[in-house]
Amino acid sequence: MPTETAMNIIKAGSIRLKVKRSGMLQFLVFTVRRVSVGKEQFVELYVDRLLEMREVERVANETGLPVEAESGRIFPTGKGAKDFMGL
């Protein structure tokens, strides 16, 4: 079950977060999008920038939502796509 913070982010449709990119701190806007897996969909945060996987993992664990960037997709520790289906 997603956290209250995750549900607020889904409701808002996006979130602006500070991330380390190319050795500098930057604010990036992550948008909520739905990804189809068969007949189901799951929710994730998406940013169209290249981020280090460490930063993607940090954002996923802080927000409680899966995060996809140009470098790949990461789920929060201990969770998978099935945990975010139907939100």
C-alpha atoms as a PDB file:
ATOM      1  CA  MET A   1       0.000   0.000   0.000  1.00  0.00           C
ATOM      2  CA  PRO A   2       1.448   3.381  -1.023  1.00  0.00           C
ATOM      3  CA  THR A   3       2.199   5.956   1.661  1.00  0.00           C
ATOM      4  CA  GLU A   4       0.159   9.094   2.204  1.00  0.00           C
ATOM      5  CA  THR A   5       2.965  11.095   0.579  1.00  0.00           C
ATOM      6  CA  ALA A   6       2.817   8.870  -2.522  1.00  0.00           C
ATOM      7  CA  MET A   7      -0.966   9.266  -2.742  1.00  0.00           C
ATOM      8  CA  ASN A   8      -0.627  13.079  -2.511  1.00  0.00           C
ATOM      9  CA  ILE A   9       1.934  13.042  -5.339  1.00  0.00           C
ATOM     10  CA  ILE A  10      -0.385  10.912  -7.502  1.00  0.00           C
ATOM     11  CA  LYS A  11      -3.274  13.277  -6.786  1.00  0.00           C
ATOM     12  CA  ALA A  12      -1.170  16.361  -7.670  1.00  0.00           C
ATOM     13  CA  GLY A  13       0.128  14.779 -10.902  1.00  0.00           C
ATOM     14  CA  SER A  14       3.737  15.916 -10.444  1.00  0.00           C
ATOM     15  CA  ILE A  15       6.389  16.829  -7.898  1.00  0.00           C
ATOM     16  CA  ARG A  16       9.443  19.074  -7.998  1.00  0.00           C
ATOM     17  CA  LEU A  17      12.473  17.470  -6.352  1.00  0.00           C
ATOM     18  CA  LYS A  18      16.110  18.373  -5.819  1.00  0.00           C
ATOM     19  CA  VAL A  19      18.440  15.811  -7.414  1.00  0.00           C
ATOM     20  CA  LYS A  20      22.162  15.589  -8.005  1.00  0.00           C
ATOM     21  CA  ARG A  21      22.825  15.593 -11.732  1.00  0.00           C
ATOM     22  CA  SER A  22      26.261  15.841 -13.348  1.00  0.00           C
ATOM     23  CA  GLY A  23      27.745  16.784  -9.986  1.00  0.00           C
ATOM     24  CA  MET A  24      25.320  19.678  -9.411  1.00  0.00           C
ATOM     25  CA  LEU A  25      22.118  19.950  -7.415  1.00  0.00           C
ATOM     26  CA  GLN A  26      19.151  20.728  -9.658  1.00  0.00           C
ATOM     27  CA  PHE A  27      15.397  20.898  -9.270  1.00  0.00           C
ATOM     28  CA  LEU A  28      13.554  18.612 -11.698  1.00  0.00           C
ATOM     29  CA  VAL A  29       9.829  18.086 -12.178  1.00  0.00           C
ATOM     30  CA  PHE A  30       8.792  14.428 -12.043  1.00  0.00           C
ATOM     31  CA  THR A  31       5.385  13.751 -13.601  1.00  0.00           C
ATOM     32  CA  VAL A  32       3.012  10.938 -12.711  1.00  0.00           C
ATOM     33  CA  ARG A  33       2.285   8.586 -15.573  1.00  0.00           C
ATOM     34  CA  ARG A  34       0.583   5.242 -15.998  1.00  0.00           C
ATOM     35  CA  VAL A  35       2.421   2.308 -17.559  1.00  0.00           C
ATOM     36  CA  SER A  36       0.479  -0.566 -19.109  1.00  0.00           C
ATOM     37  CA  VAL A  37       1.457  -4.113 -18.196  1.00  0.00           C
ATOM     38  CA  GLY A  38      -0.887  -6.491 -19.979  1.00  0.00           C
ATOM     39  CA  LYS A  39      -4.425  -5.444 -19.059  1.00  0.00           C
ATOM     40  CA  GLU A  40      -3.325  -3.630 -15.909  1.00  0.00           C
ATOM     41  CA  GLN A  41      -1.567  -0.310 -15.320  1.00  0.00           C
ATOM     42  CA  PHE A  42       0.783   0.880 -12.611  1.00  0.00           C
ATOM     43  CA  VAL A  43       1.752   4.404 -11.571  1.00  0.00           C
ATOM     44  CA  GLU A  44       5.273   5.822 -11.700  1.00  0.00           C
ATOM     45  CA  LEU A  45       7.124   9.129 -11.597  1.00  0.00           C
ATOM     46  CA  TYR A  46       8.836  10.037 -14.865  1.00  0.00           C
ATOM     47  CA  VAL A  47      11.541  12.511 -15.813  1.00  0.00           C
ATOM     48  CA  ASP A  48      13.054  12.767 -19.291  1.00  0.00           C
ATOM     49  CA  ARG A  49      16.600  13.403 -18.059  1.00  0.00           C
ATOM     50  CA  LEU A  50      19.603  11.171 -17.596  1.00  0.00           C
ATOM     51  CA  LEU A  51      20.178  10.571 -13.868  1.00  0.00           C
ATOM     52  CA  GLU A  52      22.570   8.307 -12.031  1.00  0.00           C
ATOM     53  CA  MET A  53      20.816   5.152 -10.860  1.00  0.00           C
ATOM     54  CA  ARG A  54      21.719   6.046  -7.246  1.00  0.00           C
ATOM     55  CA  GLU A  55      19.648   9.226  -7.570  1.00  0.00           C
ATOM     56  CA  VAL A  56      16.749   7.381  -9.205  1.00  0.00           C
ATOM     57  CA  GLU A  57      16.802   4.854  -6.350  1.00  0.00           C
ATOM     58  CA  ARG A  58      16.958   7.625  -3.734  1.00  0.00           C
ATOM     59  CA  VAL A  59      13.930   9.396  -5.242  1.00  0.00           C
ATOM     60  CA  ALA A  60      11.979   6.117  -5.439  1.00  0.00           C
ATOM     61  CA  ASN A  61      12.634   5.336  -1.781  1.00  0.00           C
ATOM     62  CA  GLU A  62      11.895   8.907  -0.623  1.00  0.00           C
ATOM     63  CA  THR A  63       8.615   9.225  -2.516  1.00  0.00           C
ATOM     64  CA  GLY A  64       7.488   5.620  -2.179  1.00  0.00           C
ATOM     65  CA  LEU A  65       6.755   5.418  -5.915  1.00  0.00           C
ATOM     66  CA  PRO A  66       8.559   3.790  -8.858  1.00  0.00           C
ATOM     67  CA  VAL A  67      10.715   6.242 -10.799  1.00  0.00           C
ATOM     68  CA  GLU A  68      11.740   6.110 -14.449  1.00  0.00           C
ATOM     69  CA  ALA A  69      14.428   8.303 -15.984  1.00  0.00           C
ATOM     70  CA  GLU A  70      16.416   7.984 -19.207  1.00  0.00           C
ATOM     71  CA  SER A  71      18.817   5.712 -17.314  1.00  0.00           C
ATOM     72  CA  GLY A  72      16.159   3.189 -16.248  1.00  0.00           C
ATOM     73  CA  ARG A  73      13.316   2.345 -13.866  1.00  0.00           C
ATOM     74  CA  ILE A  74      13.637   1.655 -10.141  1.00  0.00           C
ATOM     75  CA  PHE A  75      10.989   0.531  -7.675  1.00  0.00           C
ATOM     76  CA  PRO A  76      11.136   1.398  -3.972  1.00  0.00           C
ATOM     77  CA  THR A  77      13.022  -1.203  -1.931  1.00  0.00           C
ATOM     78  CA  GLY A  78      10.930  -4.329  -1.418  1.00  0.00           C
ATOM     79  CA  LYS A  79       8.189  -3.387  -3.883  1.00  0.00           C
ATOM     80  CA  GLY A  80       7.297  -4.272  -7.459  1.00  0.00           C
ATOM     81  CA  ALA A  81       4.853  -3.242 -10.180  1.00  0.00           C
ATOM     82  CA  LYS A  82       1.981  -5.216  -8.607  1.00  0.00           C
ATOM     83  CA  ASP A  83       2.141  -2.962  -5.523  1.00  0.00           C
ATOM     84  CA  PHE A  84       1.243   0.077  -7.649  1.00  0.00           C
ATOM     85  CA  MET A  85      -1.436  -1.390  -9.926  1.00  0.00           C
ATOM     86  CA  GLY A  86      -4.882   0.149  -9.844  1.00  0.00           C
ATOM     87  CA  LEU A  87      -3.898   3.448  -8.208  1.00  0.00           C
END
